[in-house]
Amino acid sequence: NDPAYDWTATDAKLSGLASRGITPLISVYSSPTWTTGGRKTDTQYNPYAPKPGDYGKFMAAVSKRYSGTFTPTGGTSPLPRVRLIEIWNEPNLKSFFRVGGRTNLKVYLRLVREAYGPIKRNNRRAIVIAGVGGPRSTNGAGNLGARQWLNGIVRSPLNVKFDAYSQHIYPNAAPFSRTKAFPSWNKIGRASCR
């Protein structure tokens, strides 16, 4: 209910989806300049990484508001529960997530760590989705390839918890077709996490 937030459009969209039996997924992937040290781009979203603690606090507000138990001021019933909550969008690509001129896995994992606990406290049945890798085969130009991104998360010493991993695949062939592209439907395989 903090008046600094304007949830009007999001409340309406999520309520509309719930009334139609559609399962939404929330993904928060833009930063206000007050948490990025004033850094921003001219894109629709700001890819500069927020301070992890600030991100965690905002995700606490998101998960509480859409826990299925929160009735906003002036409301007559609780807002819908959203169970699928994704931590950023394609953070292995600097056009979506950056620290300086490149993506940064350690900073991303700190966002996940700061967001996971508050989300689960406010919505125990939430599924916190991490990774959310963009479809890139190789490293370079400040980006990390999907395979290195996934391996970095699996092998991270930061003890980061999450419930599911997401990898975006934009296939250049049907699911069982042989292709040289990575990631593709037939090349992801399994990841073994601790």
N, C-alpha and C. Protein backbone atom coordinates (compact mmCIF):
# COMPACT_ATOMS: atom_id res chain seq x y z
N ASN A 1 0.80 -1.21 0.00
CA ASN A 1 0.00 0.00 0.00
C ASN A 1 0.84 1.27 0.00
N ASP A 2 2.14 1.15 -0.09
CA ASP A 2 3.01 2.32 -0.13
C ASP A 2 2.60 3.18 -1.34
N PRO A 3 2.27 4.45 -1.11
CA PRO A 3 1.83 5.30 -2.23
C PRO A 3 2.93 5.58 -3.26
N ALA A 4 4.17 5.22 -2.95
CA ALA A 4 5.24 5.40 -3.93
C ALA A 4 5.11 4.42 -5.09
N TYR A 5 4.38 3.33 -4.88
CA TYR A 5 4.16 2.35 -5.93
C TYR A 5 2.82 2.61 -6.61
N ASP A 6 2.78 2.44 -7.91
CA ASP A 6 1.51 2.50 -8.63
C ASP A 6 1.28 1.13 -9.25
N TRP A 7 0.45 0.34 -8.60
CA TRP A 7 0.18 -1.03 -9.01
C TRP A 7 -1.06 -1.14 -9.90
N THR A 8 -1.68 -0.04 -10.23
CA THR A 8 -2.96 -0.05 -10.92
C THR A 8 -2.99 -0.98 -12.14
N ALA A 9 -2.06 -0.78 -13.06
CA ALA A 9 -2.06 -1.57 -14.30
C ALA A 9 -1.74 -3.04 -14.01
N THR A 10 -0.79 -3.29 -13.13
CA THR A 10 -0.42 -4.67 -12.82
C THR A 10 -1.55 -5.40 -12.12
N ASP A 11 -2.20 -4.73 -11.16
CA ASP A 11 -3.35 -5.33 -10.48
C ASP A 11 -4.43 -5.73 -11.49
N ALA A 12 -4.72 -4.82 -12.42
CA ALA A 12 -5.78 -5.07 -13.41
C ALA A 12 -5.40 -6.24 -14.32
N LYS A 13 -4.16 -6.27 -14.78
CA LYS A 13 -3.73 -7.35 -15.67
C LYS A 13 -3.78 -8.71 -14.96
N LEU A 14 -3.23 -8.76 -13.75
CA LEU A 14 -3.19 -10.04 -13.04
C LEU A 14 -4.59 -10.49 -12.62
N SER A 15 -5.45 -9.56 -12.26
CA SER A 15 -6.83 -9.92 -11.92
C SER A 15 -7.57 -10.42 -13.15
N GLY A 16 -7.34 -9.78 -14.29
CA GLY A 16 -7.96 -10.21 -15.53
C GLY A 16 -7.51 -11.60 -15.95
N LEU A 17 -6.22 -11.87 -15.82
CA LEU A 17 -5.71 -13.21 -16.15
C LEU A 17 -6.32 -14.26 -15.22
N ALA A 18 -6.36 -13.95 -13.92
CA ALA A 18 -6.92 -14.91 -12.95
C ALA A 18 -8.39 -15.19 -13.25
N SER A 19 -9.15 -14.16 -13.61
CA SER A 19 -10.58 -14.36 -13.88
C SER A 19 -10.81 -15.24 -15.11
N ARG A 20 -9.80 -15.36 -15.97
CA ARG A 20 -9.92 -16.18 -17.18
C ARG A 20 -9.21 -17.53 -17.03
N GLY A 21 -8.69 -17.80 -15.82
CA GLY A 21 -8.02 -19.07 -15.58
C GLY A 21 -6.65 -19.19 -16.22
N ILE A 22 -6.02 -18.05 -16.50
CA ILE A 22 -4.69 -18.04 -17.13
C ILE A 22 -3.63 -17.89 -16.04
N THR A 23 -2.61 -18.73 -16.07
CA THR A 23 -1.54 -18.70 -15.09
C THR A 23 -0.48 -17.68 -15.51
N PRO A 24 -0.29 -16.62 -14.74
CA PRO A 24 0.72 -15.62 -15.09
C PRO A 24 2.10 -15.97 -14.54
N LEU A 25 3.10 -15.36 -15.10
CA LEU A 25 4.46 -15.42 -14.61
C LEU A 25 4.94 -13.99 -14.49
N ILE A 26 5.41 -13.61 -13.30
CA ILE A 26 5.93 -12.26 -13.09
C ILE A 26 7.44 -12.30 -13.29
N SER A 27 7.94 -11.35 -14.07
CA SER A 27 9.38 -11.19 -14.26
C SER A 27 9.71 -9.71 -14.08
N VAL A 28 10.56 -9.43 -13.10
CA VAL A 28 10.95 -8.04 -12.81
C VAL A 28 12.36 -7.84 -13.33
N TYR A 29 12.50 -6.98 -14.37
CA TYR A 29 13.82 -6.82 -14.99
C TYR A 29 14.10 -5.41 -15.47
N SER A 30 13.83 -4.43 -14.67
CA SER A 30 14.20 -3.06 -14.99
C SER A 30 14.48 -2.35 -13.68
N SER A 31 15.42 -1.43 -13.69
CA SER A 31 15.84 -0.78 -12.45
C SER A 31 15.59 0.72 -12.47
N PRO A 32 15.06 1.26 -11.38
CA PRO A 32 15.00 2.72 -11.28
C PRO A 32 16.42 3.26 -11.04
N THR A 33 16.68 4.46 -11.51
CA THR A 33 18.04 5.00 -11.43
C THR A 33 18.53 5.21 -10.00
N TRP A 34 17.61 5.36 -9.03
CA TRP A 34 18.06 5.57 -7.65
C TRP A 34 18.77 4.34 -7.08
N THR A 35 18.60 3.16 -7.68
CA THR A 35 19.29 1.97 -7.19
C THR A 35 20.44 1.54 -8.10
N THR A 36 20.69 2.27 -9.18
CA THR A 36 21.79 1.93 -10.10
C THR A 36 22.90 2.98 -10.08
N GLY A 37 22.85 3.90 -9.13
CA GLY A 37 23.84 4.96 -9.11
C GLY A 37 23.63 5.96 -10.24
N GLY A 38 22.39 6.08 -10.71
CA GLY A 38 22.06 7.02 -11.77
C GLY A 38 22.24 6.49 -13.18
N ARG A 39 22.73 5.27 -13.31
CA ARG A 39 22.97 4.71 -14.65
C ARG A 39 21.66 4.26 -15.29
N LYS A 40 21.54 4.53 -16.59
CA LYS A 40 20.37 4.11 -17.35
C LYS A 40 20.71 4.10 -18.83
N THR A 41 19.81 3.54 -19.61
CA THR A 41 19.97 3.56 -21.07
C THR A 41 18.72 4.20 -21.66
N ASP A 42 18.70 4.34 -22.96
CA ASP A 42 17.55 4.92 -23.65
C ASP A 42 16.54 3.86 -24.06
N THR A 43 16.65 2.66 -23.54
CA THR A 43 15.72 1.60 -23.87
C THR A 43 14.48 1.69 -23.00
N GLN A 44 13.47 0.90 -23.32
CA GLN A 44 12.21 0.87 -22.59
C GLN A 44 12.43 0.41 -21.15
N TYR A 45 13.42 -0.41 -20.90
CA TYR A 45 13.77 -0.92 -19.58
C TYR A 45 15.20 -0.51 -19.28
N ASN A 46 15.56 -0.48 -18.01
CA ASN A 46 16.92 -0.12 -17.63
C ASN A 46 17.68 -1.40 -17.27
N PRO A 47 18.67 -1.79 -18.08
CA PRO A 47 19.36 -3.05 -17.83
C PRO A 47 20.43 -2.98 -16.74
N TYR A 48 20.73 -1.79 -16.22
CA TYR A 48 21.77 -1.70 -15.20
C TYR A 48 21.30 -2.38 -13.92
N ALA A 49 22.17 -3.19 -13.36
CA ALA A 49 21.83 -3.99 -12.18
C ALA A 49 21.50 -3.08 -10.99
N PRO A 50 20.40 -3.40 -10.31
CA PRO A 50 20.09 -2.67 -9.08
C PRO A 50 20.95 -3.20 -7.94
N LYS A 51 20.96 -2.47 -6.84
CA LYS A 51 21.60 -2.99 -5.64
C LYS A 51 20.81 -4.22 -5.22
N PRO A 52 21.47 -5.33 -4.93
CA PRO A 52 20.75 -6.56 -4.60
C PRO A 52 19.77 -6.41 -3.44
N GLY A 53 20.13 -5.67 -2.41
CA GLY A 53 19.22 -5.48 -1.29
C GLY A 53 17.95 -4.74 -1.69
N ASP A 54 18.08 -3.75 -2.56
CA ASP A 54 16.91 -3.02 -3.05
C ASP A 54 16.00 -3.94 -3.86
N TYR A 55 16.61 -4.77 -4.68
CA TYR A 55 15.83 -5.71 -5.50
C TYR A 55 15.09 -6.68 -4.59
N GLY A 56 15.76 -7.18 -3.57
CA GLY A 56 15.12 -8.10 -2.63
C GLY A 56 13.93 -7.46 -1.94
N LYS A 57 14.05 -6.20 -1.55
CA LYS A 57 12.92 -5.51 -0.90
C LYS A 57 11.75 -5.34 -1.86
N PHE A 58 12.04 -5.01 -3.12
CA PHE A 58 10.96 -4.86 -4.07
C PHE A 58 10.28 -6.19 -4.35
N MET A 59 11.07 -7.25 -4.47
CA MET A 59 10.48 -8.57 -4.71
C MET A 59 9.66 -9.03 -3.50
N ALA A 60 10.03 -8.57 -2.30
CA ALA A 60 9.21 -8.84 -1.11
C ALA A 60 7.85 -8.18 -1.27
N ALA A 61 7.83 -6.94 -1.75
CA ALA A 61 6.56 -6.24 -1.96
C ALA A 61 5.73 -6.92 -3.04
N VAL A 62 6.36 -7.33 -4.13
CA VAL A 62 5.65 -8.02 -5.22
C VAL A 62 5.03 -9.31 -4.71
N SER A 63 5.83 -10.11 -4.01
CA SER A 63 5.34 -11.42 -3.57
C SER A 63 4.27 -11.30 -2.49
N LYS A 64 4.35 -10.27 -1.67
CA LYS A 64 3.29 -10.08 -0.66
C LYS A 64 2.00 -9.62 -1.33
N ARG A 65 2.13 -8.68 -2.24
CA ARG A 65 0.94 -8.15 -2.90
C ARG A 65 0.19 -9.24 -3.67
N TYR A 66 0.94 -10.11 -4.32
CA TYR A 66 0.32 -11.15 -5.15
C TYR A 66 0.43 -12.54 -4.51
N SER A 67 0.24 -12.58 -3.18
CA SER A 67 0.29 -13.83 -2.42
C SER A 67 -1.07 -14.51 -2.34
N GLY A 68 -2.12 -13.83 -2.80
CA GLY A 68 -3.48 -14.36 -2.69
C GLY A 68 -4.14 -14.04 -1.38
N THR A 69 -3.42 -13.32 -0.49
CA THR A 69 -3.98 -12.96 0.82
C THR A 69 -4.02 -11.46 1.05
N PHE A 70 -3.51 -10.68 0.11
CA PHE A 70 -3.39 -9.23 0.30
C PHE A 70 -4.55 -8.49 -0.34
N THR A 71 -5.26 -7.70 0.47
CA THR A 71 -6.33 -6.84 -0.03
C THR A 71 -5.82 -5.40 0.02
N PRO A 72 -5.73 -4.73 -1.12
CA PRO A 72 -5.22 -3.35 -1.11
C PRO A 72 -6.22 -2.39 -0.48
N THR A 73 -5.73 -1.25 -0.05
CA THR A 73 -6.59 -0.21 0.51
C THR A 73 -7.70 0.10 -0.48
N GLY A 74 -8.92 0.08 0.01
CA GLY A 74 -10.08 0.36 -0.83
C GLY A 74 -10.59 -0.86 -1.58
N GLY A 75 -9.87 -1.99 -1.49
CA GLY A 75 -10.29 -3.21 -2.18
C GLY A 75 -11.31 -3.97 -1.37
N THR A 76 -12.03 -4.85 -2.02
CA THR A 76 -13.05 -5.65 -1.33
C THR A 76 -12.65 -7.11 -1.20
N SER A 77 -11.61 -7.53 -1.93
CA SER A 77 -11.16 -8.91 -1.85
C SER A 77 -9.66 -8.95 -2.14
N PRO A 78 -9.02 -10.06 -1.77
CA PRO A 78 -7.59 -10.16 -2.02
C PRO A 78 -7.26 -10.17 -3.51
N LEU A 79 -6.10 -9.68 -3.82
CA LEU A 79 -5.58 -9.78 -5.19
C LEU A 79 -5.23 -11.24 -5.46
N PRO A 80 -5.12 -11.64 -6.72
CA PRO A 80 -4.83 -13.05 -7.03
C PRO A 80 -3.43 -13.46 -6.59
N ARG A 81 -3.29 -14.76 -6.39
CA ARG A 81 -1.97 -15.33 -6.09
C ARG A 81 -1.24 -15.57 -7.40
N VAL A 82 0.04 -15.19 -7.41
CA VAL A 82 0.92 -15.49 -8.54
C VAL A 82 2.00 -16.41 -7.99
N ARG A 83 2.08 -17.61 -8.54
CA ARG A 83 3.05 -18.59 -8.04
C ARG A 83 4.37 -18.56 -8.80
N LEU A 84 4.37 -18.14 -10.05
CA LEU A 84 5.58 -18.18 -10.86
C LEU A 84 6.24 -16.81 -10.87
N ILE A 85 7.41 -16.72 -10.24
CA ILE A 85 8.12 -15.45 -10.14
C ILE A 85 9.54 -15.65 -10.65
N GLU A 86 9.86 -14.92 -11.70
CA GLU A 86 11.13 -15.06 -12.40
C GLU A 86 12.07 -13.92 -12.00
N ILE A 87 13.31 -14.26 -11.73
CA ILE A 87 14.32 -13.27 -11.35
C ILE A 87 15.05 -12.80 -12.61
N TRP A 88 14.60 -11.70 -13.13
CA TRP A 88 15.16 -10.98 -14.29
C TRP A 88 14.84 -11.70 -15.60
N ASN A 89 15.23 -11.11 -16.69
CA ASN A 89 15.03 -11.66 -18.03
C ASN A 89 16.36 -11.65 -18.77
N GLU A 90 16.80 -12.83 -19.19
CA GLU A 90 18.01 -13.01 -19.98
C GLU A 90 19.21 -12.22 -19.43
N PRO A 91 19.54 -12.43 -18.15
CA PRO A 91 20.62 -11.67 -17.54
C PRO A 91 22.02 -12.05 -18.04
N ASN A 92 22.14 -13.07 -18.85
CA ASN A 92 23.44 -13.39 -19.44
C ASN A 92 23.76 -12.49 -20.63
N LEU A 93 22.80 -11.66 -21.02
CA LEU A 93 22.99 -10.73 -22.14
C LEU A 93 23.04 -9.31 -21.60
N LYS A 94 24.10 -8.58 -21.93
CA LYS A 94 24.28 -7.23 -21.37
C LYS A 94 23.18 -6.26 -21.80
N SER A 95 22.47 -6.57 -22.87
CA SER A 95 21.38 -5.68 -23.26
C SER A 95 20.21 -5.76 -22.28
N PHE A 96 20.19 -6.83 -21.44
CA PHE A 96 19.14 -6.96 -20.42
C PHE A 96 19.65 -6.80 -19.00
N PHE A 97 20.93 -7.10 -18.74
CA PHE A 97 21.47 -7.02 -17.39
C PHE A 97 22.95 -6.68 -17.48
N ARG A 98 23.32 -5.58 -16.85
CA ARG A 98 24.73 -5.21 -16.93
C ARG A 98 25.22 -4.52 -15.68
N VAL A 99 26.51 -4.73 -15.48
CA VAL A 99 27.28 -4.01 -14.47
C VAL A 99 28.43 -3.42 -15.28
N GLY A 100 28.45 -2.10 -15.42
CA GLY A 100 29.40 -1.51 -16.35
C GLY A 100 28.99 -1.87 -17.76
N GLY A 101 29.93 -2.37 -18.55
CA GLY A 101 29.63 -2.69 -19.94
C GLY A 101 29.42 -4.16 -20.22
N ARG A 102 29.19 -4.96 -19.16
CA ARG A 102 29.04 -6.40 -19.38
C ARG A 102 28.07 -7.00 -18.38
N THR A 103 27.62 -8.20 -18.68
CA THR A 103 26.79 -8.92 -17.73
C THR A 103 27.68 -9.38 -16.56
N ASN A 104 27.06 -9.78 -15.45
CA ASN A 104 27.85 -10.16 -14.29
C ASN A 104 27.10 -11.25 -13.51
N LEU A 105 27.59 -12.48 -13.59
CA LEU A 105 26.92 -13.61 -12.95
C LEU A 105 26.88 -13.46 -11.43
N LYS A 106 27.96 -13.02 -10.82
CA LYS A 106 27.97 -12.90 -9.35
C LYS A 106 26.94 -11.90 -8.86
N VAL A 107 26.80 -10.78 -9.53
CA VAL A 107 25.80 -9.79 -9.12
C VAL A 107 24.40 -10.36 -9.34
N TYR A 108 24.19 -11.05 -10.46
CA TYR A 108 22.89 -11.68 -10.69
C TYR A 108 22.55 -12.67 -9.58
N LEU A 109 23.50 -13.50 -9.20
CA LEU A 109 23.23 -14.48 -8.14
C LEU A 109 22.95 -13.81 -6.81
N ARG A 110 23.52 -12.64 -6.57
CA ARG A 110 23.18 -11.89 -5.35
C ARG A 110 21.73 -11.41 -5.40
N LEU A 111 21.25 -11.02 -6.59
CA LEU A 111 19.84 -10.65 -6.72
C LEU A 111 18.96 -11.84 -6.37
N VAL A 112 19.29 -13.01 -6.90
CA VAL A 112 18.51 -14.21 -6.62
C VAL A 112 18.52 -14.50 -5.13
N ARG A 113 19.68 -14.41 -4.51
CA ARG A 113 19.80 -14.70 -3.08
C ARG A 113 18.97 -13.72 -2.25
N GLU A 114 19.00 -12.45 -2.61
CA GLU A 114 18.26 -11.44 -1.85
C GLU A 114 16.75 -11.55 -2.06
N ALA A 115 16.33 -12.04 -3.20
CA ALA A 115 14.90 -12.12 -3.51
C ALA A 115 14.26 -13.41 -3.02
N TYR A 116 14.99 -14.50 -3.00
CA TYR A 116 14.40 -15.82 -2.71
C TYR A 116 13.73 -15.86 -1.33
N GLY A 117 14.43 -15.50 -0.30
CA GLY A 117 13.87 -15.58 1.06
C GLY A 117 12.60 -14.77 1.23
N PRO A 118 12.61 -13.48 0.87
CA PRO A 118 11.38 -12.69 1.00
C PRO A 118 10.21 -13.23 0.18
N ILE A 119 10.49 -13.70 -1.03
CA ILE A 119 9.41 -14.25 -1.86
C ILE A 119 8.79 -15.45 -1.15
N LYS A 120 9.62 -16.37 -0.66
CA LYS A 120 9.11 -17.58 -0.01
C LYS A 120 8.41 -17.28 1.32
N ARG A 121 8.87 -16.28 2.05
CA ARG A 121 8.20 -15.90 3.30
C ARG A 121 6.79 -15.36 3.03
N ASN A 122 6.64 -14.62 1.96
CA ASN A 122 5.35 -14.00 1.65
C ASN A 122 4.42 -14.91 0.86
N ASN A 123 4.97 -15.88 0.16
CA ASN A 123 4.17 -16.74 -0.71
C ASN A 123 4.86 -18.10 -0.76
N ARG A 124 4.63 -18.92 0.26
CA ARG A 124 5.35 -20.19 0.39
C ARG A 124 5.22 -21.10 -0.82
N ARG A 125 4.12 -20.99 -1.54
CA ARG A 125 3.90 -21.86 -2.69
C ARG A 125 4.48 -21.28 -3.99
N ALA A 126 5.12 -20.13 -3.89
CA ALA A 126 5.72 -19.52 -5.08
C ALA A 126 6.84 -20.41 -5.62
N ILE A 127 7.00 -20.38 -6.92
CA ILE A 127 8.11 -21.06 -7.58
C ILE A 127 9.03 -19.96 -8.09
N VAL A 128 10.21 -19.87 -7.48
CA VAL A 128 11.18 -18.84 -7.83
C VAL A 128 12.06 -19.39 -8.95
N ILE A 129 12.02 -18.71 -10.08
CA ILE A 129 12.71 -19.16 -11.29
C ILE A 129 13.96 -18.31 -11.51
N ALA A 130 15.10 -18.98 -11.60
CA ALA A 130 16.37 -18.28 -11.82
C ALA A 130 16.97 -18.71 -13.15
N GLY A 131 18.09 -18.11 -13.47
CA GLY A 131 18.80 -18.43 -14.71
C GLY A 131 18.29 -17.60 -15.86
N VAL A 132 17.13 -17.97 -16.36
CA VAL A 132 16.42 -17.22 -17.38
C VAL A 132 17.36 -16.82 -18.52
N GLY A 133 18.23 -17.76 -18.88
CA GLY A 133 19.27 -17.49 -19.86
C GLY A 133 18.75 -17.16 -21.24
N GLY A 134 19.39 -16.18 -21.84
CA GLY A 134 19.07 -15.81 -23.22
C GLY A 134 19.75 -16.77 -24.18
N PRO A 135 19.21 -16.90 -25.38
CA PRO A 135 19.72 -17.87 -26.36
C PRO A 135 20.99 -17.37 -27.05
N ARG A 136 22.11 -17.64 -26.43
CA ARG A 136 23.39 -17.23 -27.01
C ARG A 136 24.35 -18.42 -26.95
N SER A 137 24.97 -18.75 -28.05
CA SER A 137 25.86 -19.91 -28.11
C SER A 137 27.22 -19.65 -27.50
N THR A 138 27.75 -18.45 -27.66
CA THR A 138 29.14 -18.18 -27.28
C THR A 138 29.25 -16.98 -26.34
N ASN A 139 30.43 -16.86 -25.74
CA ASN A 139 30.76 -15.70 -24.92
C ASN A 139 31.32 -14.61 -25.82
N GLY A 140 31.31 -13.39 -25.34
CA GLY A 140 31.95 -12.30 -26.06
C GLY A 140 31.14 -11.03 -26.02
N ALA A 141 31.82 -9.92 -26.22
CA ALA A 141 31.21 -8.60 -26.26
C ALA A 141 30.42 -8.30 -24.99
N GLY A 142 30.90 -8.80 -23.85
CA GLY A 142 30.24 -8.53 -22.58
C GLY A 142 29.09 -9.46 -22.25
N ASN A 143 28.86 -10.49 -23.06
CA ASN A 143 27.78 -11.45 -22.87
C ASN A 143 28.35 -12.81 -22.49
N LEU A 144 27.53 -13.64 -21.86
CA LEU A 144 27.92 -15.02 -21.57
C LEU A 144 27.01 -15.97 -22.34
N GLY A 145 27.60 -17.00 -22.91
CA GLY A 145 26.82 -18.02 -23.61
C GLY A 145 25.95 -18.78 -22.62
N ALA A 146 24.87 -19.36 -23.12
CA ALA A 146 23.90 -20.05 -22.27
C ALA A 146 24.53 -21.19 -21.48
N ARG A 147 25.42 -21.93 -22.09
CA ARG A 147 26.06 -23.06 -21.39
C ARG A 147 26.95 -22.56 -20.25
N GLN A 148 27.77 -21.53 -20.50
CA GLN A 148 28.64 -21.01 -19.45
C GLN A 148 27.80 -20.40 -18.32
N TRP A 149 26.71 -19.73 -18.67
CA TRP A 149 25.82 -19.14 -17.68
C TRP A 149 25.25 -20.21 -16.75
N LEU A 150 24.71 -21.27 -17.35
CA LEU A 150 24.15 -22.37 -16.57
C LEU A 150 25.22 -23.03 -15.71
N ASN A 151 26.37 -23.32 -16.29
CA ASN A 151 27.45 -23.94 -15.52
C ASN A 151 27.91 -23.04 -14.38
N GLY A 152 27.95 -21.73 -14.61
CA GLY A 152 28.34 -20.80 -13.55
C GLY A 152 27.36 -20.80 -12.40
N ILE A 153 26.09 -20.92 -12.69
CA ILE A 153 25.08 -20.97 -11.64
C ILE A 153 25.20 -22.28 -10.86
N VAL A 154 25.32 -23.39 -11.57
CA VAL A 154 25.41 -24.70 -10.92
C VAL A 154 26.65 -24.79 -10.03
N ARG A 155 27.75 -24.22 -10.46
CA ARG A 155 29.02 -24.34 -9.73
C ARG A 155 29.29 -23.17 -8.78
N SER A 156 28.37 -22.26 -8.64
CA SER A 156 28.61 -21.07 -7.82
C SER A 156 28.81 -21.42 -6.35
N PRO A 157 29.80 -20.81 -5.71
CA PRO A 157 30.00 -21.02 -4.28
C PRO A 157 29.11 -20.11 -3.42
N LEU A 158 28.22 -19.33 -4.04
CA LEU A 158 27.42 -18.36 -3.30
C LEU A 158 26.23 -18.97 -2.57
N ASN A 159 26.00 -20.28 -2.70
CA ASN A 159 24.91 -20.96 -1.99
C ASN A 159 23.56 -20.28 -2.25
N VAL A 160 23.23 -20.18 -3.52
CA VAL A 160 22.00 -19.52 -3.95
C VAL A 160 20.89 -20.55 -4.11
N LYS A 161 19.72 -20.24 -3.54
CA LYS A 161 18.56 -21.13 -3.67
C LYS A 161 17.60 -20.60 -4.72
N PHE A 162 16.98 -21.51 -5.47
CA PHE A 162 15.89 -21.21 -6.38
C PHE A 162 15.16 -22.50 -6.62
N ASP A 163 13.97 -22.42 -7.19
CA ASP A 163 13.12 -23.60 -7.37
C ASP A 163 13.14 -24.18 -8.77
N ALA A 164 13.44 -23.36 -9.76
CA ALA A 164 13.43 -23.81 -11.15
C ALA A 164 14.42 -22.97 -11.95
N TYR A 165 14.93 -23.56 -13.01
CA TYR A 165 15.83 -22.86 -13.93
C TYR A 165 15.09 -22.68 -15.25
N SER A 166 15.24 -21.52 -15.84
CA SER A 166 14.62 -21.24 -17.13
C SER A 166 15.70 -20.94 -18.15
N GLN A 167 15.56 -21.54 -19.32
CA GLN A 167 16.44 -21.24 -20.45
C GLN A 167 15.57 -20.89 -21.64
N HIS A 168 15.75 -19.70 -22.19
CA HIS A 168 14.98 -19.31 -23.36
C HIS A 168 15.59 -19.95 -24.60
N ILE A 169 14.73 -20.59 -25.35
CA ILE A 169 15.15 -21.26 -26.59
C ILE A 169 14.33 -20.67 -27.73
N TYR A 170 15.01 -20.10 -28.69
CA TYR A 170 14.36 -19.64 -29.90
C TYR A 170 14.84 -20.56 -31.01
N PRO A 171 14.13 -21.65 -31.23
CA PRO A 171 14.65 -22.70 -32.10
C PRO A 171 14.72 -22.29 -33.56
N ASN A 172 15.73 -22.83 -34.22
CA ASN A 172 15.81 -22.65 -35.67
C ASN A 172 15.38 -23.93 -36.37
N ALA A 173 14.84 -24.88 -35.56
CA ALA A 173 14.35 -26.15 -36.12
C ALA A 173 13.32 -26.72 -35.15
N ALA A 174 12.60 -27.73 -35.60
CA ALA A 174 11.59 -28.38 -34.76
C ALA A 174 12.26 -29.08 -33.58
N PRO A 175 11.50 -29.40 -32.51
CA PRO A 175 12.10 -29.93 -31.28
C PRO A 175 13.04 -31.12 -31.45
N PHE A 176 12.79 -32.06 -32.35
CA PHE A 176 13.65 -33.24 -32.45
C PHE A 176 14.57 -33.20 -33.66
N SER A 177 14.65 -32.06 -34.31
CA SER A 177 15.55 -31.92 -35.46
C SER A 177 16.98 -31.71 -34.99
N ARG A 178 17.92 -32.19 -35.76
CA ARG A 178 19.33 -31.96 -35.44
C ARG A 178 19.68 -30.55 -35.89
N THR A 179 20.39 -29.83 -35.04
CA THR A 179 20.78 -28.47 -35.35
C THR A 179 22.11 -28.16 -34.68
N LYS A 180 22.86 -27.23 -35.23
CA LYS A 180 24.12 -26.83 -34.62
C LYS A 180 23.92 -25.71 -33.61
N ALA A 181 22.75 -25.12 -33.58
CA ALA A 181 22.49 -23.99 -32.69
C ALA A 181 22.48 -24.45 -31.23
N PHE A 182 22.94 -23.58 -30.35
CA PHE A 182 22.83 -23.83 -28.91
C PHE A 182 22.36 -22.53 -28.27
N PRO A 183 21.39 -22.55 -27.40
CA PRO A 183 20.66 -23.72 -26.97
C PRO A 183 19.56 -24.09 -27.97
N SER A 184 19.32 -25.35 -28.09
CA SER A 184 18.23 -25.84 -28.91
C SER A 184 17.51 -26.91 -28.12
N TRP A 185 16.37 -27.33 -28.57
CA TRP A 185 15.57 -28.32 -27.86
C TRP A 185 16.36 -29.58 -27.55
N ASN A 186 17.18 -30.03 -28.50
CA ASN A 186 17.84 -31.32 -28.30
C ASN A 186 19.25 -31.21 -27.77
N LYS A 187 19.70 -30.02 -27.33
CA LYS A 187 21.07 -29.87 -26.85
C LYS A 187 21.17 -29.40 -25.41
N ILE A 188 20.08 -29.06 -24.76
CA ILE A 188 20.17 -28.57 -23.39
C ILE A 188 20.59 -29.67 -22.43
N GLY A 189 19.96 -30.82 -22.48
CA GLY A 189 20.32 -31.90 -21.57
C GLY A 189 19.89 -31.59 -20.14
N ARG A 190 20.51 -32.25 -19.18
CA ARG A 190 20.16 -32.06 -17.77
C ARG A 190 21.29 -31.37 -17.04
N ALA A 191 20.92 -30.59 -16.04
CA ALA A 191 21.89 -29.96 -15.16
C ALA A 191 21.73 -30.57 -13.79
N SER A 192 22.82 -30.92 -13.18
CA SER A 192 22.76 -31.50 -11.84
C SER A 192 23.14 -30.43 -10.84
N CYS A 193 22.20 -30.08 -10.00
CA CYS A 193 22.42 -29.05 -8.99
C CYS A 193 22.52 -29.68 -7.61
N ARG A 194 23.20 -28.98 -6.74
CA ARG A 194 23.31 -29.45 -5.36
C ARG A 194 22.04 -29.25 -4.61
